[in-house]
Amino acid sequence: MSLIKRFSYYFFGLSIGLVILSFFLSGKKTSCNYGPESRVINELLKKEIIIEKITDFNQKIKTDDVKEFIKNSSVDFSNSNTSIDSCKVYNLTGYLLDEYKEILFENCAKTVRTLSIK
């Protein structure tokens, strides 16, 4: 069997497999979150967000603003406390309402609560 025939069989099988895979995954909410930061952000976005009214800045914040902050922020694992069994505390940094902020989130089983905004 020539090399060209082998490549044609390979690409034919690969294309059929990709089409079948796209049919299986098209209706589902699938994501490929391999990194720890992506998994934390995905987990935070799935839960109900409770914003604590600590400062005057918190009065302007809405839940949609916090969700957008979580999507576009990065997790600082060195300042986070992930060794707790009940509710892990994550430190996220990014821009919230055009200001660079650092927010501590408490990630519990069903809710996510803001602890502080710096």
PDB file of N, CA and C in Angstrom:
ATOM      1  N   MET A   1       0.856  -1.168   0.000  1.00  0.00           N
ATOM      2  CA  MET A   1       0.000   0.000   0.000  1.00  0.00           C
ATOM      3  C   MET A   1       0.905   1.236   0.000  1.00  0.00           C
ATOM      4  N   SER A   2       0.607   2.159  -0.878  1.00  0.00           N
ATOM      5  CA  SER A   2       1.452   3.339  -0.997  1.00  0.00           C
ATOM      6  C   SER A   2       1.169   4.315   0.145  1.00  0.00           C
ATOM      7  N   LEU A   3       2.092   5.212   0.307  1.00  0.00           N
ATOM      8  CA  LEU A   3       2.001   6.200   1.381  1.00  0.00           C
ATOM      9  C   LEU A   3       0.812   7.138   1.162  1.00  0.00           C
ATOM     10  N   ILE A   4       0.521   7.484  -0.061  1.00  0.00           N
ATOM     11  CA  ILE A   4      -0.602   8.381  -0.361  1.00  0.00           C
ATOM     12  C   ILE A   4      -1.924   7.723   0.008  1.00  0.00           C
ATOM     13  N   LYS A   5      -2.078   6.424  -0.251  1.00  0.00           N
ATOM     14  CA  LYS A   5      -3.311   5.718   0.126  1.00  0.00           C
ATOM     15  C   LYS A   5      -3.463   5.673   1.647  1.00  0.00           C
ATOM     16  N   ARG A   6      -2.372   5.475   2.349  1.00  0.00           N
ATOM     17  CA  ARG A   6      -2.436   5.438   3.819  1.00  0.00           C
ATOM     18  C   ARG A   6      -2.904   6.778   4.371  1.00  0.00           C
ATOM     19  N   PHE A   7      -2.336   7.869   3.850  1.00  0.00           N
ATOM     20  CA  PHE A   7      -2.757   9.190   4.311  1.00  0.00           C
ATOM     21  C   PHE A   7      -4.218   9.465   3.965  1.00  0.00           C
ATOM     22  N   SER A   8      -4.656   9.052   2.797  1.00  0.00           N
ATOM     23  CA  SER A   8      -6.055   9.283   2.422  1.00  0.00           C
ATOM     24  C   SER A   8      -7.004   8.496   3.326  1.00  0.00           C
ATOM     25  N   TYR A   9      -6.692   7.249   3.664  1.00  0.00           N
ATOM     26  CA  TYR A   9      -7.509   6.475   4.599  1.00  0.00           C
ATOM     27  C   TYR A   9      -7.509   7.111   5.995  1.00  0.00           C
ATOM     28  N   TYR A  10      -6.352   7.573   6.416  1.00  0.00           N
ATOM     29  CA  TYR A  10      -6.233   8.202   7.732  1.00  0.00           C
ATOM     30  C   TYR A  10      -7.112   9.449   7.807  1.00  0.00           C
ATOM     31  N   PHE A  11      -6.982  10.346   6.826  1.00  0.00           N
ATOM     32  CA  PHE A  11      -7.753  11.587   6.856  1.00  0.00           C
ATOM     33  C   PHE A  11      -9.238  11.340   6.633  1.00  0.00           C
ATOM     34  N   PHE A  12      -9.604  10.330   5.877  1.00  0.00           N
ATOM     35  CA  PHE A  12     -11.009   9.979   5.703  1.00  0.00           C
ATOM     36  C   PHE A  12     -11.598   9.515   7.043  1.00  0.00           C
ATOM     37  N   GLY A  13     -10.909   8.652   7.740  1.00  0.00           N
ATOM     38  CA  GLY A  13     -11.372   8.178   9.046  1.00  0.00           C
ATOM     39  C   GLY A  13     -11.398   9.285  10.082  1.00  0.00           C
ATOM     40  N   LEU A  14     -10.396  10.150  10.040  1.00  0.00           N
ATOM     41  CA  LEU A  14     -10.350  11.275  10.976  1.00  0.00           C
ATOM     42  C   LEU A  14     -11.512  12.222  10.753  1.00  0.00           C
ATOM     43  N   SER A  15     -11.827  12.522   9.511  1.00  0.00           N
ATOM     44  CA  SER A  15     -12.935  13.441   9.224  1.00  0.00           C
ATOM     45  C   SER A  15     -14.272  12.838   9.640  1.00  0.00           C
ATOM     46  N   ILE A  16     -14.486  11.552   9.412  1.00  0.00           N
ATOM     47  CA  ILE A  16     -15.726  10.901   9.852  1.00  0.00           C
ATOM     48  C   ILE A  16     -15.822  10.931  11.384  1.00  0.00           C
ATOM     49  N   GLY A  17     -14.729  10.675  12.053  1.00  0.00           N
ATOM     50  CA  GLY A  17     -14.722  10.713  13.514  1.00  0.00           C
ATOM     51  C   GLY A  17     -15.019  12.093  14.059  1.00  0.00           C
ATOM     52  N   LEU A  18     -14.492  13.131  13.449  1.00  0.00           N
ATOM     53  CA  LEU A  18     -14.767  14.498  13.895  1.00  0.00           C
ATOM     54  C   LEU A  18     -16.225  14.881  13.680  1.00  0.00           C
ATOM     55  N   VAL A  19     -16.812  14.448  12.588  1.00  0.00           N
ATOM     56  CA  VAL A  19     -18.227  14.741  12.328  1.00  0.00           C
ATOM     57  C   VAL A  19     -19.102  14.042  13.367  1.00  0.00           C
ATOM     58  N   ILE A  20     -18.823  12.788  13.652  1.00  0.00           N
ATOM     59  CA  ILE A  20     -19.599  12.048  14.659  1.00  0.00           C
ATOM     60  C   ILE A  20     -19.420  12.684  16.037  1.00  0.00           C
ATOM     61  N   LEU A  21     -18.210  13.066  16.377  1.00  0.00           N
ATOM     62  CA  LEU A  21     -17.946  13.706  17.670  1.00  0.00           C
ATOM     63  C   LEU A  21     -18.671  15.040  17.783  1.00  0.00           C
ATOM     64  N   SER A  22     -18.726  15.798  16.709  1.00  0.00           N
ATOM     65  CA  SER A  22     -19.429  17.087  16.754  1.00  0.00           C
ATOM     66  C   SER A  22     -20.927  16.886  16.978  1.00  0.00           C
ATOM     67  N   PHE A  23     -21.513  15.811  16.455  1.00  0.00           N
ATOM     68  CA  PHE A  23     -22.930  15.534  16.704  1.00  0.00           C
ATOM     69  C   PHE A  23     -23.175  15.191  18.174  1.00  0.00           C
ATOM     70  N   PHE A  24     -22.280  14.455  18.783  1.00  0.00           N
ATOM     71  CA  PHE A  24     -22.452  14.087  20.184  1.00  0.00           C
ATOM     72  C   PHE A  24     -22.287  15.278  21.118  1.00  0.00           C
ATOM     73  N   LEU A  25     -21.354  16.170  20.826  1.00  0.00           N
ATOM     74  CA  LEU A  25     -21.043  17.272  21.733  1.00  0.00           C
ATOM     75  C   LEU A  25     -21.778  18.561  21.413  1.00  0.00           C
ATOM     76  N   SER A  26     -22.549  18.613  20.341  1.00  0.00           N
ATOM     77  CA  SER A  26     -23.169  19.871  19.931  1.00  0.00           C
ATOM     78  C   SER A  26     -24.258  20.335  20.887  1.00  0.00           C
ATOM     79  N   GLY A  27     -25.051  19.463  21.449  1.00  0.00           N
ATOM     80  CA  GLY A  27     -26.162  19.865  22.305  1.00  0.00           C
ATOM     81  C   GLY A  27     -25.811  19.987  23.769  1.00  0.00           C
ATOM     82  N   LYS A  28     -24.625  19.605  24.142  1.00  0.00           N
ATOM     83  CA  LYS A  28     -24.254  19.602  25.554  1.00  0.00           C
ATOM     84  C   LYS A  28     -23.405  20.812  25.885  1.00  0.00           C
ATOM     85  N   LYS A  29     -23.431  21.198  27.146  1.00  0.00           N
ATOM     86  CA  LYS A  29     -22.568  22.277  27.614  1.00  0.00           C
ATOM     87  C   LYS A  29     -21.243  21.669  28.059  1.00  0.00           C
ATOM     88  N   THR A  30     -20.391  21.403  27.117  1.00  0.00           N
ATOM     89  CA  THR A  30     -19.111  20.800  27.436  1.00  0.00           C
ATOM     90  C   THR A  30     -18.026  21.856  27.411  1.00  0.00           C
ATOM     91  N   SER A  31     -17.042  21.678  28.259  1.00  0.00           N
ATOM     92  CA  SER A  31     -15.890  22.574  28.273  1.00  0.00           C
ATOM     93  C   SER A  31     -14.666  21.757  28.638  1.00  0.00           C
ATOM     94  N   CYS A  32     -13.553  22.231  28.194  1.00  0.00           N
ATOM     95  CA  CYS A  32     -12.291  21.547  28.456  1.00  0.00           C
ATOM     96  C   CYS A  32     -11.445  22.423  29.370  1.00  0.00           C
ATOM     97  N   ASN A  33     -11.696  22.332  30.643  1.00  0.00           N
ATOM     98  CA  ASN A  33     -10.972  23.119  31.629  1.00  0.00           C
ATOM     99  C   ASN A  33      -9.892  22.245  32.247  1.00  0.00           C
ATOM    100  N   TYR A  34      -8.709  22.287  31.659  1.00  0.00           N
ATOM    101  CA  TYR A  34      -7.634  21.437  32.129  1.00  0.00           C
ATOM    102  C   TYR A  34      -6.800  22.089  33.216  1.00  0.00           C
ATOM    103  N   GLY A  35      -6.632  23.385  33.164  1.00  0.00           N
ATOM    104  CA  GLY A  35      -5.800  24.074  34.147  1.00  0.00           C
ATOM    105  C   GLY A  35      -6.545  24.330  35.431  1.00  0.00           C
ATOM    106  N   PRO A  36      -5.828  24.469  36.536  1.00  0.00           N
ATOM    107  CA  PRO A  36      -6.500  24.716  37.817  1.00  0.00           C
ATOM    108  C   PRO A  36      -7.215  26.060  37.849  1.00  0.00           C
ATOM    109  N   GLU A  37      -6.654  27.069  37.198  1.00  0.00           N
ATOM    110  CA  GLU A  37      -7.298  28.384  37.187  1.00  0.00           C
ATOM    111  C   GLU A  37      -8.621  28.332  36.423  1.00  0.00           C
ATOM    112  N   SER A  38      -8.660  27.641  35.314  1.00  0.00           N
ATOM    113  CA  SER A  38      -9.893  27.513  34.532  1.00  0.00           C
ATOM    114  C   SER A  38     -10.963  26.752  35.296  1.00  0.00           C
ATOM    115  N   ARG A  39     -10.560  25.722  36.022  1.00  0.00           N
ATOM    116  CA  ARG A  39     -11.533  24.945  36.800  1.00  0.00           C
ATOM    117  C   ARG A  39     -12.130  25.779  37.926  1.00  0.00           C
ATOM    118  N   VAL A  40     -11.307  26.594  38.595  1.00  0.00           N
ATOM    119  CA  VAL A  40     -11.805  27.434  39.687  1.00  0.00           C
ATOM    120  C   VAL A  40     -12.778  28.469  39.142  1.00  0.00           C
ATOM    121  N   ILE A  41     -12.420  29.132  38.049  1.00  0.00           N
ATOM    122  CA  ILE A  41     -13.291  30.156  37.469  1.00  0.00           C
ATOM    123  C   ILE A  41     -14.600  29.532  37.002  1.00  0.00           C
ATOM    124  N   ASN A  42     -14.558  28.375  36.380  1.00  0.00           N
ATOM    125  CA  ASN A  42     -15.772  27.697  35.933  1.00  0.00           C
ATOM    126  C   ASN A  42     -16.661  27.308  37.112  1.00  0.00           C
ATOM    127  N   GLU A  43     -16.048  26.847  38.183  1.00  0.00           N
ATOM    128  CA  GLU A  43     -16.810  26.462  39.373  1.00  0.00           C
ATOM    129  C   GLU A  43     -17.460  27.678  40.034  1.00  0.00           C
ATOM    130  N   LEU A  44     -16.759  28.803  40.076  1.00  0.00           N
ATOM    131  CA  LEU A  44     -17.318  30.010  40.681  1.00  0.00           C
ATOM    132  C   LEU A  44     -18.496  30.547  39.871  1.00  0.00           C
ATOM    133  N   LEU A  45     -18.423  30.438  38.555  1.00  0.00           N
ATOM    134  CA  LEU A  45     -19.486  30.972  37.710  1.00  0.00           C
ATOM    135  C   LEU A  45     -20.753  30.123  37.739  1.00  0.00           C
ATOM    136  N   LYS A  46     -20.658  28.871  38.132  1.00  0.00           N
ATOM    137  CA  LYS A  46     -21.830  27.988  38.163  1.00  0.00           C
ATOM    138  C   LYS A  46     -22.731  28.235  39.373  1.00  0.00           C
ATOM    139  N   LYS A  47     -22.191  28.875  40.406  1.00  0.00           N
ATOM    140  CA  LYS A  47     -22.925  28.998  41.665  1.00  0.00           C
ATOM    141  C   LYS A  47     -23.545  30.384  41.830  1.00  0.00           C
ATOM    142  N   GLU A  48     -24.459  30.487  42.796  1.00  0.00           N
ATOM    143  CA  GLU A  48     -25.088  31.763  43.123  1.00  0.00           C
ATOM    144  C   GLU A  48     -24.066  32.658  43.810  1.00  0.00           C
ATOM    145  N   ILE A  49     -23.989  33.917  43.374  1.00  0.00           N
ATOM    146  CA  ILE A  49     -23.014  34.858  43.922  1.00  0.00           C
ATOM    147  C   ILE A  49     -23.711  35.786  44.905  1.00  0.00           C
ATOM    148  N   ILE A  50     -23.174  35.862  46.121  1.00  0.00           N
ATOM    149  CA  ILE A  50     -23.692  36.741  47.158  1.00  0.00           C
ATOM    150  C   ILE A  50     -22.654  37.831  47.390  1.00  0.00           C
ATOM    151  N   ILE A  51     -23.057  39.094  47.188  1.00  0.00           N
ATOM    152  CA  ILE A  51     -22.141  40.225  47.347  1.00  0.00           C
ATOM    153  C   ILE A  51     -22.368  40.831  48.721  1.00  0.00           C
ATOM    154  N   GLU A  52     -21.343  40.803  49.545  1.00  0.00           N
ATOM    155  CA  GLU A  52     -21.414  41.395  50.883  1.00  0.00           C
ATOM    156  C   GLU A  52     -21.273  42.910  50.764  1.00  0.00           C
ATOM    157  N   LYS A  53     -22.102  43.648  51.447  1.00  0.00           N
ATOM    158  CA  LYS A  53     -22.064  45.113  51.430  1.00  0.00           C
ATOM    159  C   LYS A  53     -21.087  45.601  52.500  1.00  0.00           C
ATOM    160  N   ILE A  54     -19.815  45.684  52.145  1.00  0.00           N
ATOM    161  CA  ILE A  54     -18.776  46.041  53.105  1.00  0.00           C
ATOM    162  C   ILE A  54     -18.416  47.523  53.006  1.00  0.00           C
ATOM    163  N   THR A  55     -18.213  48.022  51.793  1.00  0.00           N
ATOM    164  CA  THR A  55     -17.787  49.406  51.599  1.00  0.00           C
ATOM    165  C   THR A  55     -18.743  50.125  50.660  1.00  0.00           C
ATOM    166  N   ASP A  56     -18.493  51.401  50.430  1.00  0.00           N
ATOM    167  CA  ASP A  56     -19.315  52.175  49.509  1.00  0.00           C
ATOM    168  C   ASP A  56     -19.158  51.687  48.076  1.00  0.00           C
ATOM    169  N   PHE A  57     -17.962  51.171  47.747  1.00  0.00           N
ATOM    170  CA  PHE A  57     -17.733  50.656  46.400  1.00  0.00           C
ATOM    171  C   PHE A  57     -18.642  49.471  46.123  1.00  0.00           C
ATOM    172  N   ASN A  58     -18.936  48.677  47.143  1.00  0.00           N
ATOM    173  CA  ASN A  58     -19.792  47.495  46.971  1.00  0.00           C
ATOM    174  C   ASN A  58     -21.228  47.872  46.640  1.00  0.00           C
ATOM    175  N   GLN A  59     -21.645  49.082  46.994  1.00  0.00           N
ATOM    176  CA  GLN A  59     -23.015  49.497  46.715  1.00  0.00           C
ATOM    177  C   GLN A  59     -23.265  49.609  45.216  1.00  0.00           C
ATOM    178  N   LYS A  60     -22.218  49.907  44.426  1.00  0.00           N
ATOM    179  CA  LYS A  60     -22.367  50.072  42.979  1.00  0.00           C
ATOM    180  C   LYS A  60     -22.301  48.748  42.229  1.00  0.00           C
ATOM    181  N   ILE A  61     -21.802  47.700  42.862  1.00  0.00           N
ATOM    182  CA  ILE A  61     -21.545  46.443  42.171  1.00  0.00           C
ATOM    183  C   ILE A  61     -22.826  45.626  42.048  1.00  0.00           C
ATOM    184  N   LYS A  62     -23.014  45.071  40.855  1.00  0.00           N
ATOM    185  CA  LYS A  62     -24.128  44.163  40.609  1.00  0.00           C
ATOM    186  C   LYS A  62     -23.570  42.768  40.373  1.00  0.00           C
ATOM    187  N   THR A  63     -24.446  41.781  40.398  1.00  0.00           N
ATOM    188  CA  THR A  63     -24.029  40.395  40.201  1.00  0.00           C
ATOM    189  C   THR A  63     -23.427  40.188  38.816  1.00  0.00           C
ATOM    190  N   ASP A  64     -23.970  40.842  37.811  1.00  0.00           N
ATOM    191  CA  ASP A  64     -23.431  40.712  36.454  1.00  0.00           C
ATOM    192  C   ASP A  64     -22.007  41.262  36.368  1.00  0.00           C
ATOM    193  N   ASP A  65     -21.739  42.351  37.111  1.00  0.00           N
ATOM    194  CA  ASP A  65     -20.387  42.913  37.133  1.00  0.00           C
ATOM    195  C   ASP A  65     -19.397  41.929  37.750  1.00  0.00           C
ATOM    196  N   VAL A  66     -19.819  41.252  38.801  1.00  0.00           N
ATOM    197  CA  VAL A  66     -18.945  40.283  39.467  1.00  0.00           C
ATOM    198  C   VAL A  66     -18.704  39.078  38.563  1.00  0.00           C
ATOM    199  N   LYS A  67     -19.730  38.631  37.863  1.00  0.00           N
ATOM    200  CA  LYS A  67     -19.554  37.503  36.936  1.00  0.00           C
ATOM    201  C   LYS A  67     -18.585  37.865  35.818  1.00  0.00           C
ATOM    202  N   GLU A  68     -18.680  39.074  35.308  1.00  0.00           N
ATOM    203  CA  GLU A  68     -17.754  39.522  34.264  1.00  0.00           C
ATOM    204  C   GLU A  68     -16.336  39.638  34.816  1.00  0.00           C
ATOM    205  N   PHE A  69     -16.214  40.092  36.069  1.00  0.00           N
ATOM    206  CA  PHE A  69     -14.903  40.162  36.721  1.00  0.00           C
ATOM    207  C   PHE A  69     -14.291  38.770  36.841  1.00  0.00           C
ATOM    208  N   ILE A  70     -15.091  37.794  37.261  1.00  0.00           N
ATOM    209  CA  ILE A  70     -14.588  36.430  37.428  1.00  0.00           C
ATOM    210  C   ILE A  70     -14.136  35.860  36.085  1.00  0.00           C
ATOM    211  N   LYS A  71     -14.891  36.100  35.024  1.00  0.00           N
ATOM    212  CA  LYS A  71     -14.530  35.587  33.697  1.00  0.00           C
ATOM    213  C   LYS A  71     -13.194  36.129  33.220  1.00  0.00           C
ATOM    214  N   ASN A  72     -12.923  37.403  33.504  1.00  0.00           N
ATOM    215  CA  ASN A  72     -11.734  38.068  32.975  1.00  0.00           C
ATOM    216  C   ASN A  72     -10.602  38.203  33.982  1.00  0.00           C
ATOM    217  N   SER A  73     -10.705  37.571  35.133  1.00  0.00           N
ATOM    218  CA  SER A  73      -9.679  37.722  36.160  1.00  0.00           C
ATOM    219  C   SER A  73      -8.748  36.516  36.184  1.00  0.00           C
ATOM    220  N   SER A  74      -7.734  36.622  37.016  1.00  0.00           N
ATOM    221  CA  SER A  74      -6.815  35.500  37.219  1.00  0.00           C
ATOM    222  C   SER A  74      -6.795  35.150  38.696  1.00  0.00           C
ATOM    223  N   VAL A  75      -6.607  33.875  38.987  1.00  0.00           N
ATOM    224  CA  VAL A  75      -6.618  33.374  40.357  1.00  0.00           C
ATOM    225  C   VAL A  75      -5.203  33.435  40.910  1.00  0.00           C
ATOM    226  N   ASP A  76      -5.060  34.048  42.082  1.00  0.00           N
ATOM    227  CA  ASP A  76      -3.766  34.127  42.761  1.00  0.00           C
ATOM    228  C   ASP A  76      -3.754  33.034  43.832  1.00  0.00           C
ATOM    229  N   PHE A  77      -3.194  31.880  43.474  1.00  0.00           N
ATOM    230  CA  PHE A  77      -3.219  30.740  44.392  1.00  0.00           C
ATOM    231  C   PHE A  77      -2.298  30.943  45.593  1.00  0.00           C
ATOM    232  N   SER A  78      -1.286  31.783  45.472  1.00  0.00           N
ATOM    233  CA  SER A  78      -0.380  32.001  46.603  1.00  0.00           C
ATOM    234  C   SER A  78      -1.074  32.752  47.738  1.00  0.00           C
ATOM    235  N   ASN A  79      -2.072  33.579  47.423  1.00  0.00           N
ATOM    236  CA  ASN A  79      -2.822  34.304  48.451  1.00  0.00           C
ATOM    237  C   ASN A  79      -4.185  33.680  48.730  1.00  0.00           C
ATOM    238  N   SER A  80      -4.456  32.536  48.152  1.00  0.00           N
ATOM    239  CA  SER A  80      -5.718  31.830  48.383  1.00  0.00           C
ATOM    240  C   SER A  80      -5.530  30.768  49.452  1.00  0.00           C
ATOM    241  N   ASN A  81      -6.627  30.375  50.087  1.00  0.00           N
ATOM    242  CA  ASN A  81      -6.590  29.344  51.113  1.00  0.00           C
ATOM    243  C   ASN A  81      -7.430  28.166  50.623  1.00  0.00           C
ATOM    244  N   THR A  82      -6.766  27.199  49.990  1.00  0.00           N
ATOM    245  CA  THR A  82      -7.473  26.058  49.413  1.00  0.00           C
ATOM    246  C   THR A  82      -7.382  24.806  50.277  1.00  0.00           C
ATOM    247  N   SER A  83      -6.777  24.925  51.433  1.00  0.00           N
ATOM    248  CA  SER A  83      -6.624  23.749  52.296  1.00  0.00           C
ATOM    249  C   SER A  83      -7.810  23.542  53.234  1.00  0.00           C
ATOM    250  N   ILE A  84      -8.760  24.457  53.236  1.00  0.00           N
ATOM    251  CA  ILE A  84      -9.939  24.355  54.091  1.00  0.00           C
ATOM    252  C   ILE A  84     -10.893  23.319  53.490  1.00  0.00           C
ATOM    253  N   ASP A  85     -11.522  22.522  54.343  1.00  0.00           N
ATOM    254  CA  ASP A  85     -12.450  21.504  53.858  1.00  0.00           C
ATOM    255  C   ASP A  85     -13.833  22.068  53.551  1.00  0.00           C
ATOM    256  N   SER A  86     -14.316  23.014  54.349  1.00  0.00           N
ATOM    257  CA  SER A  86     -15.694  23.477  54.190  1.00  0.00           C
ATOM    258  C   SER A  86     -15.847  24.443  53.009  1.00  0.00           C
ATOM    259  N   CYS A  87     -15.308  25.627  53.100  1.00  0.00           N
ATOM    260  CA  CYS A  87     -15.435  26.647  52.058  1.00  0.00           C
ATOM    261  C   CYS A  87     -14.050  27.184  51.732  1.00  0.00           C
ATOM    262  N   LYS A  88     -13.591  26.935  50.525  1.00  0.00           N
ATOM    263  CA  LYS A  88     -12.271  27.394  50.115  1.00  0.00           C
ATOM    264  C   LYS A  88     -12.320  28.885  49.786  1.00  0.00           C
ATOM    265  N   VAL A  89     -11.214  29.580  50.051  1.00  0.00           N
ATOM    266  CA  VAL A  89     -11.128  31.014  49.812  1.00  0.00           C
ATOM    267  C   VAL A  89     -10.159  31.244  48.658  1.00  0.00           C
ATOM    268  N   TYR A  90     -10.649  31.943  47.609  1.00  0.00           N
ATOM    269  CA  TYR A  90      -9.839  32.220  46.429  1.00  0.00           C
ATOM    270  C   TYR A  90      -9.651  33.723  46.282  1.00  0.00           C
ATOM    271  N   ASN A  91      -8.437  34.114  45.901  1.00  0.00           N
ATOM    272  CA  ASN A  91      -8.092  35.502  45.664  1.00  0.00           C
ATOM    273  C   ASN A  91      -8.016  35.717  44.157  1.00  0.00           C
ATOM    274  N   LEU A  92      -8.912  36.540  43.609  1.00  0.00           N
ATOM    275  CA  LEU A  92      -8.928  36.827  42.187  1.00  0.00           C
ATOM    276  C   LEU A  92      -8.539  38.284  41.961  1.00  0.00           C
ATOM    277  N   THR A  93      -7.744  38.524  40.924  1.00  0.00           N
ATOM    278  CA  THR A  93      -7.318  39.881  40.594  1.00  0.00           C
ATOM    279  C   THR A  93      -7.719  40.193  39.159  1.00  0.00           C
ATOM    280  N   GLY A  94      -8.134  41.426  38.936  1.00  0.00           N
ATOM    281  CA  GLY A  94      -8.529  41.854  37.605  1.00  0.00           C
ATOM    282  C   GLY A  94      -9.191  43.211  37.658  1.00  0.00           C
ATOM    283  N   TYR A  95      -9.873  43.559  36.578  1.00  0.00           N
ATOM    284  CA  TYR A  95     -10.528  44.861  36.480  1.00  0.00           C
ATOM    285  C   TYR A  95     -12.016  44.726  36.727  1.00  0.00           C
ATOM    286  N   LEU A  96     -12.508  45.535  37.669  1.00  0.00           N
ATOM    287  CA  LEU A  96     -13.921  45.595  38.007  1.00  0.00           C
ATOM    288  C   LEU A  96     -14.363  47.039  37.884  1.00  0.00           C
ATOM    289  N   LEU A  97     -15.295  47.313  36.977  1.00  0.00           N
ATOM    290  CA  LEU A  97     -15.762  48.679  36.704  1.00  0.00           C
ATOM    291  C   LEU A  97     -14.591  49.605  36.393  1.00  0.00           C
ATOM    292  N   ASP A  98     -13.700  49.157  35.536  1.00  0.00           N
ATOM    293  CA  ASP A  98     -12.528  49.904  35.055  1.00  0.00           C
ATOM    294  C   ASP A  98     -11.525  50.250  36.151  1.00  0.00           C
ATOM    295  N   GLU A  99     -11.538  49.545  37.242  1.00  0.00           N
ATOM    296  CA  GLU A  99     -10.558  49.720  38.310  1.00  0.00           C
ATOM    297  C   GLU A  99      -9.933  48.364  38.620  1.00  0.00           C
ATOM    298  N   TYR A 100      -8.625  48.353  38.838  1.00  0.00           N
ATOM    299  CA  TYR A 100      -7.934  47.103  39.173  1.00  0.00           C
ATOM    300  C   TYR A 100      -8.275  46.743  40.612  1.00  0.00           C
ATOM    301  N   LYS A 101      -8.845  45.575  40.806  1.00  0.00           N
ATOM    302  CA  LYS A 101      -9.298  45.149  42.129  1.00  0.00           C
ATOM    303  C   LYS A 101      -8.788  43.755  42.449  1.00  0.00           C
ATOM    304  N   GLU A 102      -8.751  43.472  43.729  1.00  0.00           N
ATOM    305  CA  GLU A 102      -8.403  42.165  44.265  1.00  0.00           C
ATOM    306  C   GLU A 102      -9.549  41.754  45.180  1.00  0.00           C
ATOM    307  N   ILE A 103     -10.230  40.671  44.819  1.00  0.00           N
ATOM    308  CA  ILE A 103     -11.422  40.251  45.558  1.00  0.00           C
ATOM    309  C   ILE A 103     -11.203  38.858  46.119  1.00  0.00           C
ATOM    310  N   LEU A 104     -11.544  38.688  47.395  1.00  0.00           N
ATOM    311  CA  LEU A 104     -11.523  37.373  48.041  1.00  0.00           C
ATOM    312  C   LEU A 104     -12.919  36.771  47.944  1.00  0.00           C
ATOM    313  N   PHE A 105     -12.998  35.559  47.401  1.00  0.00           N
ATOM    314  CA  PHE A 105     -14.263  34.839  47.279  1.00  0.00           C
ATOM    315  C   PHE A 105     -14.227  33.612  48.165  1.00  0.00           C
ATOM    316  N   GLU A 106     -15.327  33.369  48.864  1.00  0.00           N
ATOM    317  CA  GLU A 106     -15.484  32.153  49.652  1.00  0.00           C
ATOM    318  C   GLU A 106     -16.371  31.208  48.843  1.00  0.00           C
ATOM    319  N   ASN A 107     -15.798  30.097  48.422  1.00  0.00           N
ATOM    320  CA  ASN A 107     -16.481  29.140  47.558  1.00  0.00           C
ATOM    321  C   ASN A 107     -17.034  28.002  48.398  1.00  0.00           C
ATOM    322  N   CYS A 108     -18.334  28.038  48.663  1.00  0.00           N
ATOM    323  CA  CYS A 108     -18.996  26.992  49.440  1.00  0.00           C
ATOM    324  C   CYS A 108     -19.702  26.032  48.488  1.00  0.00           C
ATOM    325  N   ALA A 109     -20.476  25.117  49.037  1.00  0.00           N
ATOM    326  CA  ALA A 109     -21.097  24.065  48.236  1.00  0.00           C
ATOM    327  C   ALA A 109     -22.099  24.614  47.220  1.00  0.00           C
ATOM    328  N   LYS A 110     -22.933  25.580  47.617  1.00  0.00           N
ATOM    329  CA  LYS A 110     -23.962  26.081  46.713  1.00  0.00           C
ATOM    330  C   LYS A 110     -23.834  27.561  46.394  1.00  0.00           C
ATOM    331  N   THR A 111     -23.027  28.284  47.157  1.00  0.00           N
ATOM    332  CA  THR A 111     -22.927  29.725  46.946  1.00  0.00           C
ATOM    333  C   THR A 111     -21.472  30.178  46.900  1.00  0.00           C
ATOM    334  N   VAL A 112     -21.280  31.355  46.332  1.00  0.00           N
ATOM    335  CA  VAL A 112     -19.994  32.044  46.318  1.00  0.00           C
ATOM    336  C   VAL A 112     -20.233  33.408  46.950  1.00  0.00           C
ATOM    337  N   ARG A 113     -19.425  33.735  47.956  1.00  0.00           N
ATOM    338  CA  ARG A 113     -19.629  34.978  48.714  1.00  0.00           C
ATOM    339  C   ARG A 113     -18.372  35.813  48.635  1.00  0.00           C
ATOM    340  N   THR A 114     -18.540  37.140  48.441  1.00  0.00           N
ATOM    341  CA  THR A 114     -17.385  38.031  48.463  1.00  0.00           C
ATOM    342  C   THR A 114     -17.022  38.333  49.912  1.00  0.00           C
ATOM    343  N   LEU A 115     -15.743  38.216  50.222  1.00  0.00           N
ATOM    344  CA  LEU A 115     -15.286  38.511  51.584  1.00  0.00           C
ATOM    345  C   LEU A 115     -14.704  39.906  51.692  1.00  0.00           C
ATOM    346  N   SER A 116     -13.891  40.283  50.723  1.00  0.00           N
ATOM    347  CA  SER A 116     -13.313  41.627  50.733  1.00  0.00           C
ATOM    348  C   SER A 116     -12.975  42.060  49.319  1.00  0.00           C
ATOM    349  N   ILE A 117     -12.991  43.377  49.138  1.00  0.00           N
ATOM    350  CA  ILE A 117     -12.617  43.981  47.860  1.00  0.00           C
ATOM    351  C   ILE A 117     -11.566  45.033  48.158  1.00  0.00           C
ATOM    352  N   LYS A 118     -10.403  44.868  47.528  1.00  0.00           N
ATOM    353  CA  LYS A 118      -9.297  45.817  47.746  1.00  0.00           C
ATOM    354  C   LYS A 118      -8.974  46.525  46.462  1.00  0.00           C
TER     355      LYS A 118
END
